[in-house]
């Protein structure tokens, strides 16, 4: 499952619930400064600590408006759900 904005409050909690139910999760986030980037980094750190297996949780830093970034992500990860 691809979760956009997965470093934020809502996105990180959605990612955690998906992982808890057994889904593999791919997060993409541009890590903008809409709010404190340290909070977003901490959200990702917590997820990575709980789910260290990169087959279960993959994290990309990029803008969903960046076509090249997203084409590469979809080619590599092949998410079934967004």
N, C-alpha and C. Protein backbone atom coordinates (compact mmCIF):
# COMPACT_ATOMS: atom_id res chain seq x y z
N UNK A 1 0.85 -1.17 0.00
CA UNK A 1 0.00 0.00 0.00
C UNK A 1 0.90 1.23 0.00
N UNK A 2 0.65 2.15 -0.92
CA UNK A 2 1.40 3.40 -0.96
C UNK A 2 0.68 4.43 -0.09
N UNK A 3 1.42 5.01 0.86
CA UNK A 3 0.89 6.05 1.73
C UNK A 3 1.64 7.33 1.43
N UNK A 4 0.93 8.32 0.87
CA UNK A 4 1.56 9.61 0.61
C UNK A 4 1.48 10.45 1.88
N UNK A 5 2.50 11.25 2.11
CA UNK A 5 2.54 12.05 3.32
C UNK A 5 2.69 11.18 4.57
N UNK A 6 3.35 10.06 4.42
CA UNK A 6 3.44 9.07 5.49
C UNK A 6 4.28 9.47 6.68
N UNK A 7 5.00 10.58 6.60
CA UNK A 7 5.79 11.04 7.74
C UNK A 7 4.98 11.92 8.67
N UNK A 8 3.86 12.43 8.18
CA UNK A 8 3.02 13.31 8.99
C UNK A 8 2.22 12.54 10.03
N UNK A 9 1.46 13.27 10.81
CA UNK A 9 0.69 12.66 11.90
C UNK A 9 -0.29 11.63 11.37
N UNK A 10 -1.15 12.04 10.46
CA UNK A 10 -2.18 11.13 9.94
C UNK A 10 -1.54 10.01 9.13
N UNK A 11 -0.65 10.37 8.21
CA UNK A 11 -0.03 9.37 7.34
C UNK A 11 0.75 8.32 8.11
N UNK A 12 1.49 8.73 9.13
CA UNK A 12 2.27 7.75 9.89
C UNK A 12 1.37 6.82 10.69
N UNK A 13 0.26 7.34 11.18
CA UNK A 13 -0.68 6.48 11.91
C UNK A 13 -1.42 5.53 10.96
N UNK A 14 -1.76 6.00 9.78
CA UNK A 14 -2.37 5.12 8.78
C UNK A 14 -1.38 4.02 8.40
N UNK A 15 -0.13 4.39 8.16
CA UNK A 15 0.89 3.40 7.82
C UNK A 15 1.04 2.37 8.93
N UNK A 16 1.04 2.82 10.16
CA UNK A 16 1.18 1.90 11.29
C UNK A 16 0.01 0.92 11.35
N UNK A 17 -1.21 1.41 11.16
CA UNK A 17 -2.38 0.52 11.17
C UNK A 17 -2.32 -0.50 10.03
N UNK A 18 -1.90 -0.05 8.85
CA UNK A 18 -1.78 -0.96 7.72
C UNK A 18 -0.73 -2.04 8.01
N UNK A 19 0.39 -1.64 8.57
CA UNK A 19 1.44 -2.60 8.92
C UNK A 19 0.95 -3.57 9.99
N UNK A 20 0.22 -3.06 10.98
CA UNK A 20 -0.31 -3.92 12.04
C UNK A 20 -1.26 -4.98 11.49
N UNK A 21 -2.02 -4.64 10.46
CA UNK A 21 -2.95 -5.62 9.91
C UNK A 21 -2.30 -6.55 8.89
N UNK A 22 -1.00 -6.32 8.62
CA UNK A 22 -0.26 -7.24 7.77
C UNK A 22 0.09 -6.75 6.39
N UNK A 23 -0.31 -5.53 6.05
CA UNK A 23 0.03 -4.97 4.74
C UNK A 23 1.50 -4.56 4.70
N UNK A 24 2.09 -4.64 3.52
CA UNK A 24 3.39 -4.02 3.28
C UNK A 24 3.11 -2.57 2.90
N UNK A 25 3.96 -1.66 3.35
CA UNK A 25 3.70 -0.23 3.17
C UNK A 25 4.90 0.45 2.52
N UNK A 26 4.58 1.32 1.55
CA UNK A 26 5.56 2.20 0.93
C UNK A 26 5.13 3.62 1.27
N UNK A 27 6.02 4.36 1.90
CA UNK A 27 5.74 5.76 2.25
C UNK A 27 6.50 6.65 1.30
N UNK A 28 5.84 7.71 0.83
CA UNK A 28 6.53 8.78 0.11
C UNK A 28 6.15 10.10 0.78
N UNK A 29 7.14 10.90 1.09
CA UNK A 29 6.91 12.18 1.75
C UNK A 29 8.01 13.15 1.34
N UNK A 30 7.62 14.38 1.07
CA UNK A 30 8.62 15.37 0.66
C UNK A 30 9.28 16.06 1.86
N UNK A 31 8.79 15.77 3.04
CA UNK A 31 9.37 16.31 4.28
C UNK A 31 9.43 17.84 4.25
N UNK A 32 8.34 18.47 3.81
CA UNK A 32 8.32 19.93 3.82
C UNK A 32 8.21 20.45 5.25
N UNK A 33 8.33 21.74 5.40
CA UNK A 33 8.33 22.33 6.74
C UNK A 33 6.97 22.90 7.13
N UNK A 34 5.89 22.27 6.63
CA UNK A 34 4.53 22.69 7.03
C UNK A 34 4.42 22.70 8.54
N UNK A 35 4.99 21.68 9.16
CA UNK A 35 5.25 21.72 10.60
C UNK A 35 6.60 21.07 10.85
N UNK A 36 7.05 21.10 12.08
CA UNK A 36 8.41 20.71 12.46
C UNK A 36 8.85 19.40 11.81
N UNK A 37 9.88 19.48 10.98
CA UNK A 37 10.41 18.31 10.27
C UNK A 37 10.93 17.27 11.27
N UNK A 38 11.40 17.71 12.42
CA UNK A 38 11.90 16.77 13.43
C UNK A 38 10.79 15.82 13.90
N UNK A 39 9.56 16.34 13.97
CA UNK A 39 8.42 15.49 14.35
C UNK A 39 8.20 14.42 13.27
N UNK A 40 8.27 14.83 12.01
CA UNK A 40 8.11 13.87 10.91
C UNK A 40 9.22 12.83 10.92
N UNK A 41 10.45 13.28 11.14
CA UNK A 41 11.57 12.34 11.22
C UNK A 41 11.37 11.35 12.35
N UNK A 42 10.86 11.83 13.47
CA UNK A 42 10.61 10.96 14.61
C UNK A 42 9.50 9.95 14.30
N UNK A 43 8.46 10.39 13.60
CA UNK A 43 7.39 9.47 13.20
C UNK A 43 7.94 8.33 12.36
N UNK A 44 8.81 8.66 11.42
CA UNK A 44 9.42 7.63 10.57
C UNK A 44 10.36 6.73 11.36
N UNK A 45 11.10 7.32 12.29
CA UNK A 45 12.01 6.54 13.13
C UNK A 45 11.23 5.50 13.94
N UNK A 46 10.11 5.92 14.52
CA UNK A 46 9.28 5.01 15.31
C UNK A 46 8.77 3.87 14.44
N UNK A 47 8.29 4.20 13.24
CA UNK A 47 7.81 3.15 12.33
C UNK A 47 8.93 2.18 11.96
N UNK A 48 10.11 2.72 11.67
CA UNK A 48 11.24 1.87 11.28
C UNK A 48 11.67 0.97 12.44
N UNK A 49 11.63 1.50 13.65
CA UNK A 49 11.98 0.68 14.81
C UNK A 49 11.00 -0.48 14.99
N UNK A 50 9.71 -0.20 14.78
CA UNK A 50 8.69 -1.24 14.91
C UNK A 50 8.73 -2.23 13.76
N UNK A 51 9.09 -1.74 12.58
CA UNK A 51 9.09 -2.56 11.36
C UNK A 51 10.42 -2.38 10.62
N UNK A 52 11.48 -3.03 11.12
CA UNK A 52 12.81 -2.85 10.52
C UNK A 52 12.97 -3.54 9.15
N UNK A 53 12.10 -4.49 8.84
CA UNK A 53 12.19 -5.23 7.57
C UNK A 53 11.78 -4.32 6.41
N UNK A 54 12.74 -4.04 5.53
CA UNK A 54 12.45 -3.14 4.41
C UNK A 54 11.50 -3.75 3.39
N UNK A 55 11.24 -5.05 3.50
CA UNK A 55 10.22 -5.67 2.65
C UNK A 55 8.82 -5.28 3.14
N UNK A 56 8.71 -4.97 4.42
CA UNK A 56 7.43 -4.57 5.00
C UNK A 56 7.20 -3.07 4.92
N UNK A 57 8.30 -2.30 5.09
CA UNK A 57 8.19 -0.84 5.12
C UNK A 57 9.32 -0.24 4.31
N UNK A 58 8.95 0.46 3.26
CA UNK A 58 9.91 1.16 2.42
C UNK A 58 9.59 2.65 2.48
N UNK A 59 10.60 3.48 2.61
CA UNK A 59 10.39 4.93 2.75
C UNK A 59 11.14 5.66 1.64
N UNK A 60 10.41 6.54 0.95
CA UNK A 60 10.98 7.38 -0.10
C UNK A 60 10.78 8.83 0.28
N UNK A 61 11.81 9.64 0.01
CA UNK A 61 11.70 11.08 0.22
C UNK A 61 11.57 11.72 -1.15
N UNK A 62 10.41 12.31 -1.41
CA UNK A 62 10.17 12.94 -2.69
C UNK A 62 8.79 13.56 -2.73
N UNK A 63 8.57 14.34 -3.76
CA UNK A 63 7.33 15.07 -3.96
C UNK A 63 6.43 14.26 -4.88
N UNK A 64 5.17 14.06 -4.49
CA UNK A 64 4.26 13.30 -5.34
C UNK A 64 3.96 14.02 -6.66
N UNK A 65 4.31 15.29 -6.75
CA UNK A 65 4.14 16.04 -8.00
C UNK A 65 5.34 15.86 -8.93
N UNK A 66 6.38 15.20 -8.46
CA UNK A 66 7.57 14.94 -9.27
C UNK A 66 7.33 13.65 -10.05
N UNK A 67 7.02 13.81 -11.33
CA UNK A 67 6.65 12.66 -12.16
C UNK A 67 7.74 11.60 -12.22
N UNK A 68 8.99 12.02 -12.36
CA UNK A 68 10.09 11.07 -12.44
C UNK A 68 10.21 10.26 -11.14
N UNK A 69 10.10 10.94 -10.03
CA UNK A 69 10.17 10.28 -8.72
C UNK A 69 9.06 9.23 -8.60
N UNK A 70 7.85 9.61 -8.96
CA UNK A 70 6.72 8.71 -8.80
C UNK A 70 6.76 7.56 -9.81
N UNK A 71 7.20 7.84 -11.02
CA UNK A 71 7.32 6.76 -12.01
C UNK A 71 8.33 5.73 -11.53
N UNK A 72 9.45 6.19 -10.98
CA UNK A 72 10.46 5.29 -10.46
C UNK A 72 9.90 4.48 -9.29
N UNK A 73 9.22 5.15 -8.37
CA UNK A 73 8.64 4.48 -7.22
C UNK A 73 7.67 3.38 -7.66
N UNK A 74 6.78 3.71 -8.59
CA UNK A 74 5.79 2.73 -9.05
C UNK A 74 6.46 1.58 -9.80
N UNK A 75 7.51 1.88 -10.54
CA UNK A 75 8.22 0.83 -11.27
C UNK A 75 8.92 -0.14 -10.31
N UNK A 76 9.52 0.41 -9.27
CA UNK A 76 10.27 -0.41 -8.32
C UNK A 76 9.34 -1.14 -7.35
N UNK A 77 8.38 -0.43 -6.79
CA UNK A 77 7.57 -0.96 -5.70
C UNK A 77 6.28 -1.66 -6.17
N UNK A 78 5.73 -1.22 -7.28
CA UNK A 78 4.48 -1.79 -7.81
C UNK A 78 3.36 -1.87 -6.77
N UNK A 79 3.02 -0.73 -6.12
CA UNK A 79 1.96 -0.77 -5.12
C UNK A 79 0.61 -1.15 -5.74
N UNK A 80 -0.15 -1.97 -5.02
CA UNK A 80 -1.46 -2.38 -5.49
C UNK A 80 -2.54 -1.40 -5.06
N UNK A 81 -2.30 -0.67 -3.99
CA UNK A 81 -3.26 0.29 -3.44
C UNK A 81 -2.54 1.59 -3.13
N UNK A 82 -3.26 2.69 -3.28
CA UNK A 82 -2.72 4.02 -2.97
C UNK A 82 -3.68 4.70 -2.01
